[in-house]
Amino acid sequence: MFEVGEYVLKIGNGVCRIDQIGHPDFAVGDKTQMYYYLVPEVKKGSKLYVPVEGAETKIRDVMTKEEAMELIGQFTRIEPLQVKVEKLREQEYKEAIRSGKPHCLVSVLKDLYNRRKARQDAGKKSTACDEKYFRMAEDELYTELAFALDKDIDDIPVMISEEFLNQ
């Protein structure tokens, strides 16, 4: 169980601070159900509510600085997402992003980057679907890396590029 004051990653919403644990006023049905009250780091004015029971599928610990540096160091070794059935591409992107796993996010980004480059080389624009999932994966990953490394989110792409150049 997480504690008040801890930072967690809410899949799909980024890094959040646990503001309190309790019974929200809006609760219907089981009024004894406990919830984490989360305050997103990016959208400070909003509040998210996650039931304590089953929370492990929606929130997880934020990666540490060491884990973030290790992940960046592994970028070149992480394989792009392999989509075997083109019709399922969007679904596979959604599933990988919803997993909230940093390695999956990198895998999606690498696949989408390769697709973008191939389309550009062929004189075509990237598809709206590809751009949508690229932004989603990028936001999710870069927000967590920035928090873990205590950096501005704009510094993260530069760090990643430097890592690629140094390998």
N, C-alpha and C. Protein backbone atom coordinates (compact mmCIF):
# COMPACT_ATOMS: atom_id res chain seq x y z
N MET A 1 0.85 -1.18 0.00
CA MET A 1 0.00 0.00 0.00
C MET A 1 0.89 1.24 0.00
N PHE A 2 0.49 2.22 -0.75
CA PHE A 2 1.23 3.47 -0.83
C PHE A 2 0.85 4.37 0.33
N GLU A 3 1.70 5.34 0.61
CA GLU A 3 1.48 6.25 1.74
C GLU A 3 1.24 7.68 1.25
N VAL A 4 0.59 8.47 2.08
CA VAL A 4 0.37 9.89 1.79
C VAL A 4 1.74 10.56 1.63
N GLY A 5 1.87 11.40 0.61
CA GLY A 5 3.12 12.11 0.35
C GLY A 5 4.01 11.41 -0.66
N GLU A 6 3.76 10.13 -0.92
CA GLU A 6 4.55 9.39 -1.90
C GLU A 6 4.19 9.84 -3.31
N TYR A 7 5.15 9.69 -4.21
CA TYR A 7 4.91 9.95 -5.63
C TYR A 7 4.75 8.61 -6.33
N VAL A 8 3.76 8.55 -7.19
CA VAL A 8 3.47 7.34 -7.95
C VAL A 8 3.25 7.73 -9.40
N LEU A 9 3.29 6.74 -10.26
CA LEU A 9 2.95 6.97 -11.66
C LEU A 9 1.54 6.44 -11.87
N LYS A 10 0.64 7.32 -12.25
CA LYS A 10 -0.73 6.92 -12.61
C LYS A 10 -0.71 6.73 -14.11
N ILE A 11 -0.86 5.51 -14.53
CA ILE A 11 -0.77 5.20 -15.95
C ILE A 11 -1.79 6.04 -16.72
N GLY A 12 -1.29 6.76 -17.70
CA GLY A 12 -2.13 7.64 -18.50
C GLY A 12 -2.20 9.07 -17.99
N ASN A 13 -1.72 9.31 -16.76
CA ASN A 13 -1.78 10.65 -16.17
C ASN A 13 -0.43 11.14 -15.68
N GLY A 14 0.59 10.32 -15.73
CA GLY A 14 1.92 10.73 -15.31
C GLY A 14 2.15 10.66 -13.82
N VAL A 15 3.15 11.38 -13.38
CA VAL A 15 3.57 11.37 -11.98
C VAL A 15 2.57 12.14 -11.13
N CYS A 16 2.18 11.53 -10.02
CA CYS A 16 1.22 12.14 -9.09
C CYS A 16 1.71 11.98 -7.66
N ARG A 17 1.30 12.92 -6.82
CA ARG A 17 1.57 12.83 -5.38
C ARG A 17 0.30 12.33 -4.71
N ILE A 18 0.46 11.40 -3.77
CA ILE A 18 -0.69 10.93 -3.01
C ILE A 18 -0.98 11.98 -1.95
N ASP A 19 -2.11 12.65 -2.12
CA ASP A 19 -2.51 13.75 -1.25
C ASP A 19 -3.18 13.24 0.03
N GLN A 20 -4.00 12.22 -0.12
CA GLN A 20 -4.63 11.61 1.04
C GLN A 20 -5.21 10.26 0.64
N ILE A 21 -5.59 9.50 1.64
CA ILE A 21 -6.24 8.21 1.43
C ILE A 21 -7.52 8.25 2.26
N GLY A 22 -8.64 7.98 1.61
CA GLY A 22 -9.89 8.05 2.36
C GLY A 22 -11.09 7.70 1.53
N HIS A 23 -12.25 8.10 2.05
CA HIS A 23 -13.53 7.84 1.39
C HIS A 23 -14.00 9.14 0.74
N PRO A 24 -14.05 9.19 -0.58
CA PRO A 24 -14.50 10.42 -1.24
C PRO A 24 -16.00 10.66 -1.06
N ASP A 25 -16.39 11.92 -1.10
CA ASP A 25 -17.80 12.30 -0.95
C ASP A 25 -18.67 11.73 -2.06
N PHE A 26 -18.09 11.56 -3.23
CA PHE A 26 -18.89 11.12 -4.37
C PHE A 26 -19.16 9.61 -4.38
N ALA A 27 -18.55 8.88 -3.46
CA ALA A 27 -18.65 7.41 -3.46
C ALA A 27 -20.11 6.97 -3.39
N VAL A 28 -20.46 6.08 -4.29
CA VAL A 28 -21.78 5.47 -4.27
C VAL A 28 -21.60 3.97 -4.08
N GLY A 29 -22.60 3.32 -3.58
CA GLY A 29 -22.48 1.88 -3.36
C GLY A 29 -21.69 1.63 -2.09
N ASP A 30 -20.52 1.04 -2.24
CA ASP A 30 -19.68 0.68 -1.09
C ASP A 30 -18.99 1.92 -0.53
N LYS A 31 -19.55 2.49 0.50
CA LYS A 31 -19.00 3.72 1.11
C LYS A 31 -17.76 3.44 1.96
N THR A 32 -17.42 2.17 2.13
CA THR A 32 -16.23 1.83 2.91
C THR A 32 -14.99 1.72 2.03
N GLN A 33 -15.19 1.76 0.72
CA GLN A 33 -14.07 1.64 -0.22
C GLN A 33 -13.12 2.82 -0.03
N MET A 34 -11.85 2.49 0.16
CA MET A 34 -10.81 3.51 0.33
C MET A 34 -10.25 3.88 -1.05
N TYR A 35 -9.89 5.17 -1.18
CA TYR A 35 -9.33 5.69 -2.43
C TYR A 35 -8.05 6.45 -2.14
N TYR A 36 -7.13 6.40 -3.12
CA TYR A 36 -5.99 7.30 -3.12
C TYR A 36 -6.46 8.58 -3.79
N TYR A 37 -6.16 9.72 -3.18
CA TYR A 37 -6.44 11.02 -3.80
C TYR A 37 -5.11 11.46 -4.40
N LEU A 38 -5.04 11.53 -5.71
CA LEU A 38 -3.79 11.84 -6.40
C LEU A 38 -3.82 13.24 -6.99
N VAL A 39 -2.70 13.94 -6.85
CA VAL A 39 -2.54 15.27 -7.46
C VAL A 39 -1.44 15.15 -8.51
N PRO A 40 -1.81 15.27 -9.80
CA PRO A 40 -0.81 15.16 -10.86
C PRO A 40 0.22 16.28 -10.78
N GLU A 41 1.46 15.96 -11.06
CA GLU A 41 2.53 16.95 -11.07
C GLU A 41 2.38 17.92 -12.24
N VAL A 42 1.86 17.44 -13.35
CA VAL A 42 1.74 18.28 -14.54
C VAL A 42 0.49 19.14 -14.47
N LYS A 43 -0.64 18.56 -14.12
CA LYS A 43 -1.91 19.28 -14.04
C LYS A 43 -2.23 19.51 -12.57
N LYS A 44 -1.55 20.45 -11.96
CA LYS A 44 -1.62 20.67 -10.51
C LYS A 44 -3.03 20.93 -9.99
N GLY A 45 -3.89 21.55 -10.77
CA GLY A 45 -5.22 21.90 -10.28
C GLY A 45 -6.20 20.74 -10.23
N SER A 46 -5.84 19.61 -10.81
CA SER A 46 -6.78 18.50 -10.85
C SER A 46 -6.49 17.48 -9.77
N LYS A 47 -7.46 16.61 -9.54
CA LYS A 47 -7.31 15.55 -8.55
C LYS A 47 -7.87 14.27 -9.15
N LEU A 48 -7.17 13.18 -8.94
CA LEU A 48 -7.60 11.88 -9.44
C LEU A 48 -7.89 10.97 -8.26
N TYR A 49 -8.81 10.05 -8.45
CA TYR A 49 -9.19 9.12 -7.38
C TYR A 49 -9.00 7.70 -7.90
N VAL A 50 -8.24 6.91 -7.15
CA VAL A 50 -7.98 5.53 -7.53
C VAL A 50 -8.33 4.64 -6.34
N PRO A 51 -9.21 3.65 -6.54
CA PRO A 51 -9.52 2.75 -5.43
C PRO A 51 -8.25 2.04 -4.94
N VAL A 52 -8.08 1.98 -3.63
CA VAL A 52 -6.92 1.30 -3.06
C VAL A 52 -6.92 -0.16 -3.50
N GLU A 53 -8.09 -0.77 -3.45
CA GLU A 53 -8.21 -2.16 -3.89
C GLU A 53 -8.05 -2.22 -5.40
N GLY A 54 -7.06 -2.96 -5.86
CA GLY A 54 -6.79 -3.06 -7.29
C GLY A 54 -5.93 -1.94 -7.84
N ALA A 55 -5.39 -1.10 -6.98
CA ALA A 55 -4.60 0.05 -7.44
C ALA A 55 -3.35 -0.36 -8.20
N GLU A 56 -2.82 -1.55 -7.92
CA GLU A 56 -1.57 -1.97 -8.56
C GLU A 56 -1.69 -2.08 -10.08
N THR A 57 -2.90 -2.13 -10.61
CA THR A 57 -3.07 -2.16 -12.07
C THR A 57 -3.15 -0.75 -12.66
N LYS A 58 -3.28 0.26 -11.80
CA LYS A 58 -3.44 1.63 -12.28
C LYS A 58 -2.30 2.56 -11.87
N ILE A 59 -1.65 2.25 -10.75
CA ILE A 59 -0.53 3.07 -10.29
C ILE A 59 0.64 2.18 -9.92
N ARG A 60 1.82 2.76 -9.98
CA ARG A 60 3.04 2.04 -9.59
C ARG A 60 4.05 3.04 -9.07
N ASP A 61 5.11 2.53 -8.48
CA ASP A 61 6.19 3.40 -8.02
C ASP A 61 6.80 4.12 -9.21
N VAL A 62 7.21 5.35 -8.99
CA VAL A 62 7.94 6.11 -10.02
C VAL A 62 9.35 5.55 -10.05
N MET A 63 9.93 5.46 -11.22
CA MET A 63 11.30 4.93 -11.29
C MET A 63 12.26 5.87 -10.55
N THR A 64 13.31 5.27 -10.02
CA THR A 64 14.33 6.03 -9.32
C THR A 64 15.28 6.67 -10.34
N LYS A 65 16.14 7.54 -9.84
CA LYS A 65 17.13 8.16 -10.72
C LYS A 65 18.02 7.10 -11.36
N GLU A 66 18.41 6.11 -10.57
CA GLU A 66 19.27 5.03 -11.07
C GLU A 66 18.55 4.23 -12.16
N GLU A 67 17.28 3.92 -11.92
CA GLU A 67 16.50 3.18 -12.91
C GLU A 67 16.33 3.99 -14.19
N ALA A 68 16.14 5.29 -14.05
CA ALA A 68 15.99 6.16 -15.22
C ALA A 68 17.27 6.19 -16.04
N MET A 69 18.41 6.32 -15.38
CA MET A 69 19.69 6.34 -16.09
C MET A 69 19.96 4.99 -16.75
N GLU A 70 19.61 3.92 -16.06
CA GLU A 70 19.78 2.58 -16.62
C GLU A 70 18.91 2.41 -17.87
N LEU A 71 17.67 2.87 -17.79
CA LEU A 71 16.77 2.77 -18.94
C LEU A 71 17.32 3.55 -20.14
N ILE A 72 17.76 4.77 -19.90
CA ILE A 72 18.32 5.57 -20.99
C ILE A 72 19.53 4.87 -21.60
N GLY A 73 20.35 4.25 -20.75
CA GLY A 73 21.51 3.51 -21.23
C GLY A 73 21.15 2.28 -22.04
N GLN A 74 19.94 1.77 -21.84
CA GLN A 74 19.49 0.56 -22.56
C GLN A 74 18.71 0.88 -23.83
N PHE A 75 18.44 2.14 -24.10
CA PHE A 75 17.60 2.51 -25.24
C PHE A 75 18.03 1.82 -26.53
N THR A 76 19.33 1.80 -26.81
CA THR A 76 19.78 1.23 -28.09
C THR A 76 19.56 -0.28 -28.15
N ARG A 77 19.45 -0.94 -26.99
CA ARG A 77 19.26 -2.39 -26.97
C ARG A 77 17.79 -2.81 -26.92
N ILE A 78 16.90 -1.86 -26.68
CA ILE A 78 15.47 -2.19 -26.63
C ILE A 78 14.95 -2.24 -28.06
N GLU A 79 14.31 -3.35 -28.39
CA GLU A 79 13.80 -3.56 -29.74
C GLU A 79 12.53 -2.75 -29.99
N PRO A 80 12.35 -2.27 -31.22
CA PRO A 80 11.08 -1.62 -31.56
C PRO A 80 9.93 -2.62 -31.43
N LEU A 81 8.76 -2.12 -31.17
CA LEU A 81 7.57 -2.97 -31.08
C LEU A 81 7.39 -3.70 -32.40
N GLN A 82 7.17 -4.99 -32.33
CA GLN A 82 6.96 -5.79 -33.53
C GLN A 82 5.47 -6.02 -33.73
N VAL A 83 4.90 -5.38 -34.73
CA VAL A 83 3.47 -5.54 -35.03
C VAL A 83 3.37 -6.51 -36.19
N LYS A 84 2.77 -7.67 -35.92
CA LYS A 84 2.69 -8.70 -36.95
C LYS A 84 1.48 -8.54 -37.87
N VAL A 85 0.39 -8.01 -37.33
CA VAL A 85 -0.83 -7.82 -38.12
C VAL A 85 -1.12 -6.32 -38.17
N GLU A 86 -1.00 -5.75 -39.35
CA GLU A 86 -1.13 -4.30 -39.52
C GLU A 86 -2.45 -3.76 -38.98
N LYS A 87 -3.52 -4.51 -39.12
CA LYS A 87 -4.83 -4.06 -38.63
C LYS A 87 -4.86 -3.91 -37.11
N LEU A 88 -3.93 -4.57 -36.43
CA LEU A 88 -3.89 -4.53 -34.97
C LEU A 88 -2.88 -3.53 -34.43
N ARG A 89 -2.25 -2.78 -35.33
CA ARG A 89 -1.19 -1.84 -34.92
C ARG A 89 -1.68 -0.88 -33.83
N GLU A 90 -2.79 -0.21 -34.05
CA GLU A 90 -3.28 0.76 -33.07
C GLU A 90 -3.58 0.08 -31.74
N GLN A 91 -4.18 -1.09 -31.78
CA GLN A 91 -4.48 -1.82 -30.55
C GLN A 91 -3.20 -2.18 -29.79
N GLU A 92 -2.18 -2.59 -30.52
CA GLU A 92 -0.92 -2.94 -29.87
C GLU A 92 -0.25 -1.71 -29.25
N TYR A 93 -0.34 -0.57 -29.92
CA TYR A 93 0.19 0.67 -29.34
C TYR A 93 -0.55 0.99 -28.05
N LYS A 94 -1.88 0.91 -28.10
CA LYS A 94 -2.69 1.21 -26.91
C LYS A 94 -2.30 0.31 -25.75
N GLU A 95 -2.19 -0.99 -26.01
CA GLU A 95 -1.86 -1.94 -24.95
C GLU A 95 -0.48 -1.66 -24.36
N ALA A 96 0.48 -1.39 -25.21
CA ALA A 96 1.84 -1.12 -24.73
C ALA A 96 1.87 0.15 -23.88
N ILE A 97 1.16 1.18 -24.32
CA ILE A 97 1.14 2.44 -23.58
C ILE A 97 0.38 2.27 -22.27
N ARG A 98 -0.74 1.57 -22.32
CA ARG A 98 -1.54 1.33 -21.11
C ARG A 98 -0.80 0.49 -20.07
N SER A 99 0.17 -0.29 -20.52
CA SER A 99 0.94 -1.10 -19.56
C SER A 99 1.71 -0.21 -18.60
N GLY A 100 2.08 0.99 -19.07
CA GLY A 100 2.84 1.91 -18.24
C GLY A 100 4.28 1.49 -18.02
N LYS A 101 4.70 0.43 -18.67
CA LYS A 101 6.07 -0.07 -18.49
C LYS A 101 7.02 0.75 -19.37
N PRO A 102 8.04 1.33 -18.76
CA PRO A 102 8.97 2.16 -19.53
C PRO A 102 9.57 1.47 -20.75
N HIS A 103 9.94 0.19 -20.63
CA HIS A 103 10.52 -0.52 -21.78
C HIS A 103 9.51 -0.62 -22.93
N CYS A 104 8.25 -0.82 -22.59
CA CYS A 104 7.20 -0.88 -23.63
C CYS A 104 7.04 0.47 -24.31
N LEU A 105 7.13 1.54 -23.54
CA LEU A 105 7.01 2.88 -24.11
C LEU A 105 8.16 3.15 -25.08
N VAL A 106 9.37 2.76 -24.69
CA VAL A 106 10.53 2.94 -25.56
C VAL A 106 10.34 2.13 -26.84
N SER A 107 9.84 0.92 -26.70
CA SER A 107 9.60 0.04 -27.84
C SER A 107 8.61 0.66 -28.82
N VAL A 108 7.54 1.24 -28.30
CA VAL A 108 6.54 1.92 -29.14
C VAL A 108 7.19 3.12 -29.83
N LEU A 109 7.92 3.92 -29.07
CA LEU A 109 8.57 5.11 -29.65
C LEU A 109 9.53 4.73 -30.77
N LYS A 110 10.29 3.67 -30.57
CA LYS A 110 11.25 3.26 -31.59
C LYS A 110 10.53 2.80 -32.85
N ASP A 111 9.45 2.05 -32.69
CA ASP A 111 8.69 1.60 -33.86
C ASP A 111 8.10 2.79 -34.60
N LEU A 112 7.50 3.71 -33.85
CA LEU A 112 6.88 4.88 -34.48
C LEU A 112 7.92 5.79 -35.13
N TYR A 113 9.09 5.90 -34.51
CA TYR A 113 10.16 6.70 -35.10
C TYR A 113 10.59 6.07 -36.44
N ASN A 114 10.76 4.75 -36.44
CA ASN A 114 11.16 4.05 -37.67
C ASN A 114 10.10 4.22 -38.77
N ARG A 115 8.82 4.13 -38.38
CA ARG A 115 7.73 4.31 -39.35
C ARG A 115 7.73 5.74 -39.90
N ARG A 116 7.93 6.71 -39.01
CA ARG A 116 7.96 8.12 -39.42
C ARG A 116 9.09 8.35 -40.42
N LYS A 117 10.27 7.81 -40.10
CA LYS A 117 11.43 7.98 -40.98
C LYS A 117 11.19 7.32 -42.33
N ALA A 118 10.64 6.12 -42.34
CA ALA A 118 10.38 5.41 -43.60
C ALA A 118 9.38 6.19 -44.46
N ARG A 119 8.37 6.74 -43.83
CA ARG A 119 7.37 7.52 -44.58
C ARG A 119 8.01 8.81 -45.12
N GLN A 120 8.84 9.46 -44.32
CA GLN A 120 9.52 10.68 -44.78
C GLN A 120 10.43 10.36 -45.96
N ASP A 121 11.16 9.25 -45.85
CA ASP A 121 12.06 8.85 -46.94
C ASP A 121 11.29 8.56 -48.22
N ALA A 122 10.03 8.15 -48.08
CA ALA A 122 9.19 7.86 -49.24
C ALA A 122 8.41 9.10 -49.69
N GLY A 123 8.70 10.25 -49.05
CA GLY A 123 8.03 11.49 -49.42
C GLY A 123 6.62 11.62 -48.88
N LYS A 124 6.32 10.85 -47.83
CA LYS A 124 4.98 10.89 -47.24
C LYS A 124 5.04 11.49 -45.84
N LYS A 125 3.88 11.97 -45.40
CA LYS A 125 3.76 12.46 -44.03
C LYS A 125 3.46 11.30 -43.09
N SER A 126 3.77 11.51 -41.84
CA SER A 126 3.42 10.54 -40.81
C SER A 126 1.90 10.53 -40.66
N THR A 127 1.33 9.38 -40.32
CA THR A 127 -0.13 9.31 -40.16
C THR A 127 -0.55 9.96 -38.85
N ALA A 128 -1.79 10.42 -38.80
CA ALA A 128 -2.34 11.04 -37.58
C ALA A 128 -2.33 10.03 -36.43
N CYS A 129 -2.63 8.79 -36.74
CA CYS A 129 -2.63 7.73 -35.72
C CYS A 129 -1.23 7.56 -35.13
N ASP A 130 -0.23 7.49 -35.99
CA ASP A 130 1.15 7.34 -35.52
C ASP A 130 1.56 8.52 -34.65
N GLU A 131 1.22 9.72 -35.08
CA GLU A 131 1.58 10.92 -34.31
C GLU A 131 0.89 10.93 -32.95
N LYS A 132 -0.35 10.52 -32.92
CA LYS A 132 -1.12 10.47 -31.67
C LYS A 132 -0.43 9.55 -30.66
N TYR A 133 -0.07 8.35 -31.09
CA TYR A 133 0.53 7.40 -30.17
C TYR A 133 1.98 7.75 -29.85
N PHE A 134 2.66 8.40 -30.79
CA PHE A 134 4.02 8.86 -30.50
C PHE A 134 3.98 9.88 -29.36
N ARG A 135 3.05 10.86 -29.46
CA ARG A 135 2.93 11.88 -28.41
C ARG A 135 2.54 11.25 -27.07
N MET A 136 1.62 10.30 -27.11
CA MET A 136 1.18 9.66 -25.86
C MET A 136 2.34 8.94 -25.17
N ALA A 137 3.08 8.13 -25.94
CA ALA A 137 4.19 7.38 -25.37
C ALA A 137 5.29 8.32 -24.90
N GLU A 138 5.57 9.33 -25.71
CA GLU A 138 6.60 10.31 -25.37
C GLU A 138 6.24 11.06 -24.09
N ASP A 139 5.01 11.54 -23.99
CA ASP A 139 4.58 12.26 -22.79
C ASP A 139 4.70 11.39 -21.54
N GLU A 140 4.21 10.18 -21.64
CA GLU A 140 4.23 9.26 -20.49
C GLU A 140 5.68 8.99 -20.05
N LEU A 141 6.54 8.66 -21.01
CA LEU A 141 7.92 8.32 -20.68
C LEU A 141 8.72 9.53 -20.24
N TYR A 142 8.66 10.62 -20.99
CA TYR A 142 9.47 11.79 -20.69
C TYR A 142 9.08 12.44 -19.37
N THR A 143 7.79 12.43 -19.04
CA THR A 143 7.34 12.99 -17.77
C THR A 143 7.97 12.24 -16.60
N GLU A 144 7.94 10.92 -16.69
CA GLU A 144 8.51 10.12 -15.60
C GLU A 144 10.03 10.27 -15.54
N LEU A 145 10.69 10.26 -16.68
CA LEU A 145 12.15 10.42 -16.68
C LEU A 145 12.54 11.79 -16.12
N ALA A 146 11.82 12.83 -16.50
CA ALA A 146 12.12 14.18 -16.00
C ALA A 146 11.97 14.23 -14.49
N PHE A 147 10.92 13.62 -13.97
CA PHE A 147 10.70 13.61 -12.53
C PHE A 147 11.81 12.82 -11.83
N ALA A 148 12.11 11.63 -12.33
CA ALA A 148 13.11 10.77 -11.70
C ALA A 148 14.50 11.41 -11.71
N LEU A 149 14.80 12.12 -12.77
CA LEU A 149 16.13 12.73 -12.92
C LEU A 149 16.18 14.17 -12.44
N ASP A 150 15.05 14.68 -11.95
CA ASP A 150 14.93 16.06 -11.49
C ASP A 150 15.39 17.03 -12.58
N LYS A 151 14.88 16.81 -13.78
CA LYS A 151 15.21 17.64 -14.94
C LYS A 151 13.94 18.24 -15.51
N ASP A 152 14.11 19.24 -16.33
CA ASP A 152 12.99 19.80 -17.09
C ASP A 152 12.65 18.80 -18.19
N ILE A 153 11.38 18.67 -18.50
CA ILE A 153 10.96 17.69 -19.51
C ILE A 153 11.62 17.95 -20.86
N ASP A 154 11.94 19.21 -21.17
CA ASP A 154 12.59 19.55 -22.44
C ASP A 154 14.04 19.05 -22.50
N ASP A 155 14.64 18.73 -21.35
CA ASP A 155 16.01 18.21 -21.33
C ASP A 155 16.09 16.73 -21.69
N ILE A 156 14.99 16.02 -21.56
CA ILE A 156 15.00 14.57 -21.73
C ILE A 156 15.33 14.15 -23.16
N PRO A 157 14.71 14.72 -24.19
CA PRO A 157 15.09 14.32 -25.56
C PRO A 157 16.56 14.57 -25.85
N VAL A 158 17.11 15.63 -25.30
CA VAL A 158 18.53 15.94 -25.50
C VAL A 158 19.39 14.86 -24.85
N MET A 159 19.04 14.46 -23.62
CA MET A 159 19.79 13.41 -22.93
C MET A 159 19.74 12.10 -23.72
N ILE A 160 18.57 11.78 -24.25
CA ILE A 160 18.42 10.54 -25.00
C ILE A 160 19.24 10.60 -26.29
N SER A 161 19.21 11.72 -26.98
CA SER A 161 20.00 11.89 -28.21
C SER A 161 21.48 11.75 -27.93
N GLU A 162 21.94 12.36 -26.84
CA GLU A 162 23.35 12.26 -26.47
C GLU A 162 23.74 10.82 -26.18
N GLU A 163 22.86 10.08 -25.55
CA GLU A 163 23.13 8.67 -25.24
C GLU A 163 23.28 7.88 -26.54
N PHE A 164 22.42 8.14 -27.52
CA PHE A 164 22.52 7.45 -28.80
C PHE A 164 23.83 7.79 -29.51
N LEU A 165 24.24 9.05 -29.44
CA LEU A 165 25.47 9.47 -30.10
C LEU A 165 26.71 8.88 -29.44
N ASN A 166 26.64 8.65 -28.13
CA ASN A 166 27.79 8.13 -27.39
C ASN A 166 27.93 6.61 -27.49
N GLN A 167 26.98 5.94 -28.09
CA GLN A 167 27.07 4.47 -28.16
C GLN A 167 27.45 4.01 -29.54
